[in-house]
Protein backbone atom coordinates (compact mmCIF):
# COMPACT_ATOMS: atom_id res chain seq x y z
CA MET A 1 39.07 -25.29 -47.77
CA ALA A 2 38.89 -27.33 -51.00
CA THR A 3 42.12 -25.80 -52.29
CA THR A 4 43.87 -26.67 -49.04
CA ILE A 5 42.81 -30.30 -49.27
CA SER A 6 43.66 -30.63 -52.97
CA ALA A 7 47.07 -28.98 -52.39
CA ARG A 8 47.80 -31.52 -49.63
CA LEU A 9 46.79 -34.39 -51.93
CA ASN A 10 49.01 -33.12 -54.73
CA GLU A 11 51.99 -32.92 -52.35
CA SER A 12 51.26 -36.23 -50.64
CA THR A 13 53.45 -39.18 -51.53
CA ASP A 14 51.64 -41.75 -49.40
CA THR A 15 48.13 -41.48 -50.85
CA LEU A 16 48.33 -44.67 -52.95
CA LEU A 17 49.58 -46.69 -50.00
CA ARG A 18 46.95 -45.33 -47.62
CA VAL A 19 44.15 -45.98 -50.13
CA ALA A 20 45.44 -49.52 -50.82
CA MET A 21 45.70 -50.24 -47.11
CA ARG A 22 42.20 -48.93 -46.40
CA ALA A 23 40.72 -50.79 -49.38
CA ASP A 24 42.38 -54.00 -48.18
CA ALA A 25 41.01 -53.44 -44.68
CA VAL A 26 37.47 -52.72 -45.83
CA LEU A 27 37.29 -55.60 -48.32
CA SER A 28 38.87 -58.05 -45.88
CA GLY A 29 36.55 -56.90 -43.10
CA LEU A 30 33.45 -57.30 -45.27
CA THR A 31 34.61 -60.75 -46.35
CA GLY A 32 35.24 -61.69 -42.72
CA ILE A 33 31.77 -60.54 -41.67
CA GLY A 34 30.27 -62.49 -44.57
CA LEU A 35 32.16 -65.61 -43.51
CA LEU A 36 31.03 -65.19 -39.92
CA ILE A 37 27.41 -64.94 -41.06
CA PHE A 38 27.49 -67.69 -43.68
CA ALA A 39 30.20 -70.04 -42.34
CA PRO A 40 28.12 -73.24 -42.49
CA GLN A 41 26.96 -72.56 -46.04
CA VAL A 42 30.45 -71.61 -47.25
CA ALA A 43 31.90 -74.70 -45.59
CA GLU A 44 29.37 -76.92 -47.31
CA ILE A 45 30.11 -75.60 -50.80
CA SER A 46 33.88 -75.29 -50.30
CA GLY A 47 34.76 -78.56 -48.59
CA THR A 48 36.00 -77.10 -45.31
CA THR A 49 34.28 -77.11 -41.92
CA PRO A 50 32.24 -74.34 -40.31
CA SER A 51 34.90 -73.93 -37.61
CA VAL A 52 37.52 -73.27 -40.29
CA GLU A 53 35.29 -70.64 -41.90
CA TYR A 54 34.50 -69.02 -38.54
CA THR A 55 38.22 -68.86 -37.76
CA ILE A 56 39.09 -67.37 -41.14
CA GLY A 57 36.21 -64.88 -40.88
CA ALA A 58 37.26 -63.74 -37.40
CA SER A 59 40.88 -63.46 -38.54
CA PHE A 60 39.84 -61.27 -41.46
CA VAL A 61 37.85 -58.97 -39.16
CA VAL A 62 40.79 -58.59 -36.75
CA PHE A 63 43.17 -58.07 -39.68
CA SER A 64 40.84 -55.38 -41.00
CA ALA A 65 40.82 -53.46 -37.72
CA VAL A 66 44.62 -53.62 -37.42
CA VAL A 67 45.18 -52.44 -40.99
CA LEU A 68 42.72 -49.56 -40.59
CA ALA A 69 44.62 -48.46 -37.47
CA LEU A 70 47.97 -48.72 -39.29
CA ALA A 71 46.65 -46.73 -42.25
CA ALA A 72 45.72 -43.89 -39.89
CA ARG A 73 49.25 -43.52 -38.51
CA PRO A 74 51.27 -40.45 -39.55
CA ALA A 75 53.99 -42.60 -41.15
CA VAL A 76 52.84 -45.65 -43.10
CA ARG A 77 55.88 -46.68 -45.14
CA GLY A 78 57.14 -49.40 -42.75
CA SER A 79 53.75 -50.90 -41.99
CA GLY A 80 52.84 -50.74 -45.68
CA LEU A 81 55.95 -52.70 -46.59
CA VAL A 82 55.19 -55.34 -43.94
CA LEU A 83 51.59 -55.52 -45.16
CA ALA A 84 52.67 -55.93 -48.80
CA LEU A 85 55.04 -58.73 -47.80
CA GLY A 86 52.34 -60.37 -45.68
CA ASN A 87 49.88 -60.27 -48.56
CA ALA A 88 52.46 -61.82 -50.89
CA LEU A 89 53.10 -64.58 -48.36
CA PHE A 90 49.36 -65.14 -47.97
CA THR A 91 49.19 -65.65 -51.74
CA VAL A 92 51.85 -68.36 -51.49
CA ALA A 93 49.94 -69.90 -48.57
CA THR A 94 46.70 -70.10 -50.59
CA ILE A 95 48.52 -71.94 -53.37
CA ALA A 96 50.11 -74.29 -50.83
CA VAL A 97 46.72 -75.04 -49.25
CA VAL A 98 45.39 -76.14 -52.63
CA VAL A 99 48.49 -78.04 -53.76
CA ILE A 100 49.12 -79.84 -50.47
CA GLY A 101 45.45 -80.58 -49.95
CA VAL A 102 45.08 -79.23 -46.43
CA TRP A 103 41.30 -79.62 -46.74
CA PRO A 104 39.29 -81.76 -49.14
CA LEU A 105 38.28 -78.73 -51.18
CA THR A 106 35.56 -78.89 -53.78
CA THR A 107 35.98 -77.17 -57.13
CA VAL A 108 34.24 -74.14 -55.64
CA GLY A 109 36.57 -74.28 -52.62
CA ILE A 110 39.63 -74.36 -54.87
CA ALA A 111 38.30 -71.41 -56.87
CA LEU A 112 37.55 -69.43 -53.70
CA THR A 113 40.96 -70.20 -52.19
CA LEU A 114 42.89 -69.32 -55.34
CA GLY A 115 40.67 -66.26 -55.82
CA THR A 116 41.73 -65.12 -52.38
CA GLY A 117 45.34 -65.62 -53.46
CA VAL A 118 44.82 -63.45 -56.55
CA TYR A 119 43.20 -60.75 -54.40
CA THR A 120 46.09 -60.72 -51.92
CA LEU A 121 48.62 -60.62 -54.77
CA VAL A 122 46.90 -57.57 -56.27
CA MET A 123 46.82 -55.89 -52.86
CA ALA A 124 50.49 -56.72 -52.28
CA GLU A 125 51.40 -55.09 -55.60
CA LEU A 126 49.33 -51.96 -54.93
CA GLN A 127 50.78 -51.62 -51.45
CA TYR A 128 54.33 -52.19 -52.68
CA GLN A 129 53.88 -49.55 -55.38
CA GLY A 130 52.53 -47.21 -52.70
CA VAL A 131 55.61 -47.84 -50.55
CA ARG A 132 57.92 -47.15 -53.51
CA ARG A 133 56.34 -43.71 -54.03
CA ILE A 134 57.29 -42.60 -50.52
CA PRO A 135 60.80 -41.14 -50.25
CA LYS A 136 63.08 -42.93 -47.80
């Protein structure tokens, strides 16, 4: 049994993408749950409102469920490419939120927002590299 699984992994070209998608889903889901639990506290230290944090937390949980479902599909190249692009765009959005001043963010809020942008940029790169490994 172990040789069958390891042979499949050696022949697989979508492993990096699937792992990156699942990691993104799990980490985003855990962050979303944390935001849903601690929304008032996060809002207080970040400069947003609890309703903003509840909305972001719920969005992360829904995003997590969708990405987990996409990662389980037989073919993941197309959805992985869309996800990588979406993560890159989310990075740009986090920078825009800080630069434009959408909310009166505190220093902690700016750090959290830009940290989210760094995270999504790393995920975008991992997912894009995973897509590139899959033959067309």
